[in-house]
PDB file of N, CA and C in Angstrom:
ATOM      1  N   MET A   1      22.507  25.755   9.947  1.00  0.00           N
ATOM      2  CA  MET A   1      22.931  24.477   9.450  1.00  0.00           C
ATOM      3  C   MET A   1      23.161  23.811  10.605  1.00  0.00           C
ATOM      4  N   ILE A   2      23.788  24.433  11.962  1.00  0.00           N
ATOM      5  CA  ILE A   2      23.952  23.415  13.299  1.00  0.00           C
ATOM      6  C   ILE A   2      22.493  23.225  13.781  1.00  0.00           C
ATOM      7  N   GLY A   3      21.610  24.195  13.706  1.00  0.00           N
ATOM      8  CA  GLY A   3      20.409  23.960  14.215  1.00  0.00           C
ATOM      9  C   GLY A   3      19.710  22.747  13.701  1.00  0.00           C
ATOM     10  N   PHE A   4      19.943  22.575  12.092  1.00  0.00           N
ATOM     11  CA  PHE A   4      19.302  21.455  11.380  1.00  0.00           C
ATOM     12  C   PHE A   4      20.165  20.146  11.777  1.00  0.00           C
ATOM     13  N   ILE A   5      21.493  20.166  11.904  1.00  0.00           N
ATOM     14  CA  ILE A   5      22.057  19.005  12.692  1.00  0.00           C
ATOM     15  C   ILE A   5      21.322  18.653  14.023  1.00  0.00           C
ATOM     16  N   ILE A   6      21.574  19.525  14.930  1.00  0.00           N
ATOM     17  CA  ILE A   6      20.984  19.243  16.232  1.00  0.00           C
ATOM     18  C   ILE A   6      19.279  18.682  16.026  1.00  0.00           C
ATOM     19  N   ALA A   7      18.491  19.284  15.213  1.00  0.00           N
ATOM     20  CA  ALA A   7      17.215  18.844  14.938  1.00  0.00           C
ATOM     21  C   ALA A   7      17.119  17.433  14.472  1.00  0.00           C
ATOM     22  N   GLY A   8      18.175  16.988  13.557  1.00  0.00           N
ATOM     23  CA  GLY A   8      18.372  15.630  12.974  1.00  0.00           C
ATOM     24  C   GLY A   8      18.784  14.627  14.043  1.00  0.00           C
ATOM     25  N   LEU A   9      19.718  15.088  15.210  1.00  0.00           N
ATOM     26  CA  LEU A   9      19.902  14.083  16.305  1.00  0.00           C
ATOM     27  C   LEU A   9      18.781  13.989  16.969  1.00  0.00           C
ATOM     28  N   ILE A  10      18.016  15.155  17.286  1.00  0.00           N
ATOM     29  CA  ILE A  10      16.766  14.926  18.218  1.00  0.00           C
ATOM     30  C   ILE A  10      15.776  14.132  17.605  1.00  0.00           C
ATOM     31  N   ILE A  11      15.549  14.267  16.442  1.00  0.00           N
ATOM     32  CA  ILE A  11      14.413  13.551  15.763  1.00  0.00           C
ATOM     33  C   ILE A  11      15.140  11.976  15.498  1.00  0.00           C
ATOM     34  N   GLY A  12      16.074  11.790  15.189  1.00  0.00           N
ATOM     35  CA  GLY A  12      16.762  10.524  14.914  1.00  0.00           C
ATOM     36  C   GLY A  12      16.614   9.539  16.605  1.00  0.00           C
ATOM     37  N   ALA A  13      16.926  10.324  17.672  1.00  0.00           N
ATOM     38  CA  ALA A  13      17.240   9.749  18.942  1.00  0.00           C
ATOM     39  C   ALA A  13      15.467   9.433  19.260  1.00  0.00           C
ATOM     40  N   LEU A  14      14.699  10.498  18.998  1.00  0.00           N
ATOM     41  CA  LEU A  14      13.239  10.176  19.249  1.00  0.00           C
ATOM     42  C   LEU A  14      12.865   8.897  18.617  1.00  0.00           C
ATOM     43  N   ALA A  15      12.836   8.962  17.323  1.00  0.00           N
ATOM     44  CA  ALA A  15      12.659   7.832  16.506  1.00  0.00           C
ATOM     45  C   ALA A  15      13.047   6.553  17.015  1.00  0.00           C
ATOM     46  N   ARG A  16      14.360   6.329  17.533  1.00  0.00           N
ATOM     47  CA  ARG A  16      14.921   5.414  18.191  1.00  0.00           C
ATOM     48  C   ARG A  16      14.226   4.891  19.294  1.00  0.00           C
ATOM     49  N   LEU A  17      13.628   5.700  19.972  1.00  0.00           N
ATOM     50  CA  LEU A  17      13.058   5.378  21.639  1.00  0.00           C
ATOM     51  C   LEU A  17      11.838   4.968  20.925  1.00  0.00           C
ATOM     52  N   ILE A  18      11.021   5.543  20.094  1.00  0.00           N
ATOM     53  CA  ILE A  18       9.902   5.070  19.583  1.00  0.00           C
ATOM     54  C   ILE A  18       9.735   3.677  19.143  1.00  0.00           C
ATOM     55  N   LYS A  19      10.657   3.286  18.191  1.00  0.00           N
ATOM     56  CA  LYS A  19      11.064   2.118  17.447  1.00  0.00           C
ATOM     57  C   LYS A  19      11.040   1.093  18.545  1.00  0.00           C
ATOM     58  N   PRO A  20      10.286  -0.020  18.655  1.00  0.00           N
ATOM     59  CA  PRO A  20      10.473  -1.110  19.682  1.00  0.00           C
ATOM     60  C   PRO A  20      11.801  -2.046  19.105  1.00  0.00           C
ATOM     61  N   GLY A  21      12.538  -2.680  20.058  1.00  0.00           N
ATOM     62  CA  GLY A  21      13.586  -3.339  20.148  1.00  0.00           C
ATOM     63  C   GLY A  21      14.784  -2.607  19.846  1.00  0.00           C
ATOM     64  N   LYS A  22      15.979  -3.487  19.736  1.00  0.00           N
ATOM     65  CA  LYS A  22      17.239  -2.938  19.632  1.00  0.00           C
ATOM     66  C   LYS A  22      17.759  -2.495  18.334  1.00  0.00           C
ATOM     67  N   GLN A  23      17.898  -1.603  18.249  1.00  0.00           N
ATOM     68  CA  GLN A  23      18.605  -0.729  16.690  1.00  0.00           C
ATOM     69  C   GLN A  23      20.183  -0.948  16.643  1.00  0.00           C
ATOM     70  N   ASN A  24      20.612  -1.669  15.766  1.00  0.00           N
ATOM     71  CA  ASN A  24      22.178  -1.427  15.610  1.00  0.00           C
ATOM     72  C   ASN A  24      22.558  -0.450  14.914  1.00  0.00           C
ATOM     73  N   LEU A  25      22.434   0.780  15.100  1.00  0.00           N
ATOM     74  CA  LEU A  25      22.757   2.163  14.703  1.00  0.00           C
ATOM     75  C   LEU A  25      23.451   2.978  15.408  1.00  0.00           C
ATOM     76  N   GLY A  26      24.432   3.634  14.892  1.00  0.00           N
ATOM     77  CA  GLY A  26      25.503   4.299  15.427  1.00  0.00           C
ATOM     78  C   GLY A  26      24.988   5.669  15.621  1.00  0.00           C
ATOM     79  N   LEU A  27      25.944   6.443  15.964  1.00  0.00           N
ATOM     80  CA  LEU A  27      25.475   8.092  16.277  1.00  0.00           C
ATOM     81  C   LEU A  27      25.259   8.527  14.830  1.00  0.00           C
ATOM     82  N   LEU A  28      26.184   8.211  13.985  1.00  0.00           N
ATOM     83  CA  LEU A  28      26.097   8.864  12.685  1.00  0.00           C
ATOM     84  C   LEU A  28      24.938   8.437  11.647  1.00  0.00           C
ATOM     85  N   ALA A  29      24.546   7.253  11.965  1.00  0.00           N
ATOM     86  CA  ALA A  29      23.379   6.834  11.088  1.00  0.00           C
ATOM     87  C   ALA A  29      21.831   7.087  11.850  1.00  0.00           C
ATOM     88  N   THR A  30      22.149   7.521  13.116  1.00  0.00           N
ATOM     89  CA  THR A  30      20.865   8.131  13.682  1.00  0.00           C
ATOM     90  C   THR A  30      20.975   9.503  13.395  1.00  0.00           C
ATOM     91  N   LEU A  31      21.869  10.304  13.164  1.00  0.00           N
ATOM     92  CA  LEU A  31      22.068  11.459  12.513  1.00  0.00           C
ATOM     93  C   LEU A  31      21.311  11.644  11.374  1.00  0.00           C
ATOM     94  N   LEU A  32      22.076  10.765  10.167  1.00  0.00           N
ATOM     95  CA  LEU A  32      21.602  10.818   8.746  1.00  0.00           C
ATOM     96  C   LEU A  32      19.999  10.582   8.757  1.00  0.00           C
ATOM     97  N   LEU A  33      19.454   9.414   9.468  1.00  0.00           N
ATOM     98  CA  LEU A  33      18.171   9.040   9.388  1.00  0.00           C
ATOM     99  C   LEU A  33      17.319   9.982   9.919  1.00  0.00           C
ATOM    100  N   GLY A  34      17.891  10.950  11.002  1.00  0.00           N
ATOM    101  CA  GLY A  34      16.907  11.803  11.679  1.00  0.00           C
ATOM    102  C   GLY A  34      16.841  12.934  10.522  1.00  0.00           C
ATOM    103  N   LEU A  35      18.205  13.355   9.954  1.00  0.00           N
ATOM    104  CA  LEU A  35      18.063  14.390   8.974  1.00  0.00           C
ATOM    105  C   LEU A  35      17.166  14.022   7.707  1.00  0.00           C
ATOM    106  N   ALA A  36      17.197  12.724   7.213  1.00  0.00           N
ATOM    107  CA  ALA A  36      16.456  12.456   6.222  1.00  0.00           C
ATOM    108  C   ALA A  36      14.946  12.554   6.652  1.00  0.00           C
ATOM    109  N   GLY A  37      14.390  12.176   8.000  1.00  0.00           N
ATOM    110  CA  GLY A  37      13.201  12.078   8.286  1.00  0.00           C
ATOM    111  C   GLY A  37      12.799  13.542   8.360  1.00  0.00           C
ATOM    112  N   SER A  38      13.564  14.689   8.774  1.00  0.00           N
ATOM    113  CA  SER A  38      13.182  16.030   9.054  1.00  0.00           C
ATOM    114  C   SER A  38      13.086  16.544   7.667  1.00  0.00           C
ATOM    115  N   VAL A  39      13.752  16.121   6.717  1.00  0.00           N
ATOM    116  CA  VAL A  39      13.203  16.555   5.385  1.00  0.00           C
ATOM    117  C   VAL A  39      12.284  16.015   4.819  1.00  0.00           C
ATOM    118  N   ILE A  40      11.675  14.764   5.011  1.00  0.00           N
ATOM    119  CA  ILE A  40      10.663  14.522   4.554  1.00  0.00           C
ATOM    120  C   ILE A  40       9.386  14.923   5.408  1.00  0.00           C
ATOM    121  N   GLY A  41       9.806  15.131   6.662  1.00  0.00           N
ATOM    122  CA  GLY A  41       8.623  15.527   7.132  1.00  0.00           C
ATOM    123  C   GLY A  41       8.225  16.928   6.821  1.00  0.00           C
ATOM    124  N   GLY A  42       9.282  17.722   6.762  1.00  0.00           N
ATOM    125  CA  GLY A  42       9.171  19.122   6.198  1.00  0.00           C
ATOM    126  C   GLY A  42       8.515  19.429   4.966  1.00  0.00           C
ATOM    127  N   LEU A  43       9.014  18.187   3.964  1.00  0.00           N
ATOM    128  CA  LEU A  43       8.401  18.122   2.577  1.00  0.00           C
ATOM    129  C   LEU A  43       6.673  17.993   2.502  1.00  0.00           C
ATOM    130  N   ILE A  44       6.552  17.093   3.320  1.00  0.00           N
ATOM    131  CA  ILE A  44       5.022  16.857   3.623  1.00  0.00           C
ATOM    132  C   ILE A  44       4.303  17.828   4.421  1.00  0.00           C
ATOM    133  N   ALA A  45       4.614  18.444   5.200  1.00  0.00           N
ATOM    134  CA  ALA A  45       4.313  19.440   6.036  1.00  0.00           C
ATOM    135  C   ALA A  45       3.928  20.811   4.990  1.00  0.00           C
ATOM    136  N   SER A  46       5.170  21.036   4.346  1.00  0.00           N
ATOM    137  CA  SER A  46       4.994  22.133   3.259  1.00  0.00           C
ATOM    138  C   SER A  46       3.860  21.842   2.384  1.00  0.00           C
ATOM    139  N   PHE A  47       3.801  20.510   1.852  1.00  0.00           N
ATOM    140  CA  PHE A  47       2.410  20.302   1.057  1.00  0.00           C
ATOM    141  C   PHE A  47       1.439  20.603   1.592  1.00  0.00           C
ATOM    142  N   PHE A  48       0.962  20.552   2.802  1.00  0.00           N
ATOM    143  CA  PHE A  48      -0.357  20.854   3.660  1.00  0.00           C
ATOM    144  C   PHE A  48      -0.281  22.456   4.000  1.00  0.00           C
ATOM    145  N   HIS A  49       0.668  23.284   3.387  1.00  0.00           N
ATOM    146  CA  HIS A  49       0.779  24.672   3.557  1.00  0.00           C
ATOM    147  C   HIS A  49       0.801  25.069   4.987  1.00  0.00           C
ATOM    148  N   THR A  50       1.698  24.465   5.813  1.00  0.00           N
ATOM    149  CA  THR A  50       1.700  24.622   7.355  1.00  0.00           C
ATOM    150  C   THR A  50       3.150  25.401   7.400  1.00  0.00           C
ATOM    151  N   GLY A  51       3.599  25.909   6.274  1.00  0.00           N
ATOM    152  CA  GLY A  51       4.991  26.582   6.596  1.00  0.00           C
ATOM    153  C   GLY A  51       6.039  26.011   5.765  1.00  0.00           C
ATOM    154  N   GLY A  52       7.177  26.654   5.431  1.00  0.00           N
ATOM    155  CA  GLY A  52       8.155  25.992   4.634  1.00  0.00           C
ATOM    156  C   GLY A  52       8.885  24.683   5.070  1.00  0.00           C
ATOM    157  N   ILE A  53       9.703  24.234   4.316  1.00  0.00           N
ATOM    158  CA  ILE A  53      10.289  22.891   4.602  1.00  0.00           C
ATOM    159  C   ILE A  53      11.144  22.830   5.965  1.00  0.00           C
ATOM    160  N   PHE A  54      11.982  24.043   5.961  1.00  0.00           N
ATOM    161  CA  PHE A  54      12.867  24.074   7.044  1.00  0.00           C
ATOM    162  C   PHE A  54      12.484  25.215   8.401  1.00  0.00           C
ATOM    163  N   GLU A  55      10.931  25.299   8.266  1.00  0.00           N
ATOM    164  CA  GLU A  55      10.293  25.926   9.371  1.00  0.00           C
ATOM    165  C   GLU A  55       9.942  24.944  10.434  1.00  0.00           C
ATOM    166  N   LEU A  56      10.256  25.396  11.629  1.00  0.00           N
ATOM    167  CA  LEU A  56       9.847  24.395  12.782  1.00  0.00           C
ATOM    168  C   LEU A  56       8.401  24.508  13.026  1.00  0.00           C
ATOM    169  N   ASN A  57       7.706  23.518  12.783  1.00  0.00           N
ATOM    170  CA  ASN A  57       6.354  23.558  13.356  1.00  0.00           C
ATOM    171  C   ASN A  57       5.920  22.129  13.621  1.00  0.00           C
ATOM    172  N   ILE A  58       4.655  22.162  14.233  1.00  0.00           N
ATOM    173  CA  ILE A  58       4.253  20.749  15.039  1.00  0.00           C
ATOM    174  C   ILE A  58       4.041  19.442  13.958  1.00  0.00           C
ATOM    175  N   LEU A  59       3.465  19.964  13.034  1.00  0.00           N
ATOM    176  CA  LEU A  59       2.883  19.071  12.049  1.00  0.00           C
ATOM    177  C   LEU A  59       4.283  18.603  11.214  1.00  0.00           C
ATOM    178  N   GLY A  60       4.985  19.334  10.969  1.00  0.00           N
ATOM    179  CA  GLY A  60       6.482  19.000  10.552  1.00  0.00           C
ATOM    180  C   GLY A  60       7.082  18.082  11.493  1.00  0.00           C
ATOM    181  N   PHE A  61       7.273  18.435  12.656  1.00  0.00           N
ATOM    182  CA  PHE A  61       8.165  17.645  13.824  1.00  0.00           C
ATOM    183  C   PHE A  61       7.485  16.382  13.839  1.00  0.00           C
ATOM    184  N   ILE A  62       6.222  16.130  13.998  1.00  0.00           N
ATOM    185  CA  ILE A  62       5.302  14.872  14.255  1.00  0.00           C
ATOM    186  C   ILE A  62       5.975  14.054  12.807  1.00  0.00           C
ATOM    187  N   LEU A  63       5.791  14.551  11.855  1.00  0.00           N
ATOM    188  CA  LEU A  63       5.724  13.894  10.398  1.00  0.00           C
ATOM    189  C   LEU A  63       7.359  13.535  10.359  1.00  0.00           C
ATOM    190  N   ALA A  64       8.217  14.322  10.918  1.00  0.00           N
ATOM    191  CA  ALA A  64       9.483  13.779  10.566  1.00  0.00           C
ATOM    192  C   ALA A  64      10.049  12.745  11.619  1.00  0.00           C
ATOM    193  N   VAL A  65       9.447  12.743  12.778  1.00  0.00           N
ATOM    194  CA  VAL A  65       9.639  11.463  13.699  1.00  0.00           C
ATOM    195  C   VAL A  65       9.172  10.133  13.087  1.00  0.00           C
ATOM    196  N   ILE A  66       8.042  10.375  12.589  1.00  0.00           N
ATOM    197  CA  ILE A  66       7.224   9.253  11.839  1.00  0.00           C
ATOM    198  C   ILE A  66       8.042   8.927  10.856  1.00  0.00           C
ATOM    199  N   ALA A  67       8.532   9.653   9.866  1.00  0.00           N
ATOM    200  CA  ALA A  67       9.316   9.341   8.677  1.00  0.00           C
ATOM    201  C   ALA A  67      10.524   8.601   9.222  1.00  0.00           C
ATOM    202  N   ALA A  68      11.140   9.090  10.376  1.00  0.00           N
ATOM    203  CA  ALA A  68      12.424   8.601  10.759  1.00  0.00           C
ATOM    204  C   ALA A  68      12.404   7.137  11.421  1.00  0.00           C
ATOM    205  N   VAL A  69      11.470   6.934  11.985  1.00  0.00           N
ATOM    206  CA  VAL A  69      11.123   5.626  12.329  1.00  0.00           C
ATOM    207  C   VAL A  69      10.776   4.505  11.223  1.00  0.00           C
ATOM    208  N   LEU A  70      10.194   5.134  10.347  1.00  0.00           N
ATOM    209  CA  LEU A  70      10.036   4.371   8.976  1.00  0.00           C
ATOM    210  C   LEU A  70      11.420   3.983   8.575  1.00  0.00           C
ATOM    211  N   LEU A  71      12.160   5.134   8.272  1.00  0.00           N
ATOM    212  CA  LEU A  71      13.397   4.868   7.699  1.00  0.00           C
ATOM    213  C   LEU A  71      14.371   3.857   8.474  1.00  0.00           C
ATOM    214  N   ILE A  72      14.345   4.105  10.049  1.00  0.00           N
ATOM    215  CA  ILE A  72      15.025   3.119  10.599  1.00  0.00           C
ATOM    216  C   ILE A  72      14.679   1.797  10.546  1.00  0.00           C
ATOM    217  N   GLY A  73      13.202   1.541  10.326  1.00  0.00           N
ATOM    218  CA  GLY A  73      12.704  -0.062   9.985  1.00  0.00           C
ATOM    219  C   GLY A  73      13.487  -0.369   8.785  1.00  0.00           C
ATOM    220  N   VAL A  74      13.493   0.539   7.730  1.00  0.00           N
ATOM    221  CA  VAL A  74      13.904   0.153   6.431  1.00  0.00           C
ATOM    222  C   VAL A  74      15.603  -0.320   6.562  1.00  0.00           C
ATOM    223  N   ALA A  75      16.294   0.699   7.356  1.00  0.00           N
ATOM    224  CA  ALA A  75      17.710   0.362   7.602  1.00  0.00           C
ATOM    225  C   ALA A  75      18.057  -0.599   8.206  1.00  0.00           C
ATOM    226  N   GLU A  76      17.081  -1.161   9.335  1.00  0.00           N
ATOM    227  CA  GLU A  76      17.288  -2.392  10.006  1.00  0.00           C
ATOM    228  C   GLU A  76      17.056  -3.701   8.925  1.00  0.00           C
ATOM    229  N   SER A  77      16.050  -3.626   8.179  1.00  0.00           N
ATOM    230  CA  SER A  77      16.030  -4.656   7.376  1.00  0.00           C
ATOM    231  C   SER A  77      16.979  -4.681   6.156  1.00  0.00           C
ATOM    232  N   LEU A  78      17.571  -3.653   5.720  1.00  0.00           N
ATOM    233  CA  LEU A  78      18.625  -3.873   4.832  1.00  0.00           C
ATOM    234  C   LEU A  78      19.840  -4.247   5.495  1.00  0.00           C
ATOM    235  N   SER A  79      20.067  -4.092   6.612  1.00  0.00           N
ATOM    236  CA  SER A  79      21.321  -4.630   7.166  1.00  0.00           C
ATOM    237  C   SER A  79      21.186  -5.999   7.703  1.00  0.00           C
ATOM    238  N   GLY A  80      19.868  -6.327   8.040  1.00  0.00           N
ATOM    239  CA  GLY A  80      19.658  -7.640   8.386  1.00  0.00           C
ATOM    240  C   GLY A  80      19.777  -8.638   7.426  1.00  0.00           C
ATOM    241  N   ARG A  81      19.436  -8.069   5.983  1.00  0.00           N
ATOM    242  CA  ARG A  81      19.579  -8.829   4.920  1.00  0.00           C
ATOM    243  C   ARG A  81      20.874  -9.106   4.469  1.00  0.00           C
ATOM    244  N   ARG A  82      21.773  -7.806   4.606  1.00  0.00           N
ATOM    245  CA  ARG A  82      23.452  -8.050   4.519  1.00  0.00           C
ATOM    246  C   ARG A  82      24.087  -8.931   5.457  1.00  0.00           C
ATOM    247  N   ASN A  83      23.646  -9.098   6.540  1.00  0.00           N
ATOM    248  CA  ASN A  83      24.023  -9.770   7.571  1.00  0.00           C
ATOM    249  C   ASN A  83      23.831 -11.380   7.439  1.00  0.00           C
ATOM    250  N   ARG A  84      22.527 -11.615   7.082  1.00  0.00           N
ATOM    251  CA  ARG A  84      22.121 -12.801   6.872  1.00  0.00           C
ATOM    252  C   ARG A  84      22.919 -13.484   5.328  1.00  0.00           C
ATOM    253  N   SER A  85      23.196 -12.717   4.521  1.00  0.00           N
ATOM    254  CA  SER A  85      23.680 -13.428   3.285  1.00  0.00           C
ATOM    255  C   SER A  85      25.292 -13.442   3.428  1.00  0.00           C
ATOM    256  N   VAL A  86      25.765 -12.703   4.424  1.00  0.00           N
ATOM    257  CA  VAL A  86      27.590 -13.193   4.737  1.00  0.00           C
ATOM    258  C   VAL A  86      27.346 -14.260   5.630  1.00  0.00           C
ATOM    259  N   ARG A  87      26.548 -14.653   6.511  1.00  0.00           N
ATOM    260  CA  ARG A  87      26.496 -15.846   7.239  1.00  0.00           C
ATOM    261  C   ARG A  87      26.360 -16.951   6.587  1.00  0.00           C
ATOM    262  N   ARG A  88      25.759 -17.068   5.407  1.00  0.00           N
ATOM    263  CA  ARG A  88      25.432 -18.078   4.623  1.00  0.00           C
ATOM    264  C   ARG A  88      26.600 -18.805   3.912  1.00  0.00           C
TER     265      ARG A  88
END
């Protein structure tokens, strides 16, 4: 369980480094998006029979980082919409 949380933090941090621009996300949001990305990446990797969802493999890791980058983009767009609606 602790390893899964650490992996989520690493994946979330890597995704934030890869995603251009400044993200207004805290540590908790980075952790949650990294965890969600790792689950999505693990599911896709297990679909290709590279191992189980919670096994560490290179394809799952790469897919997890890609999924986390996409999730950060979605989170940014959702928070941007919320902020624009409040300003009006």
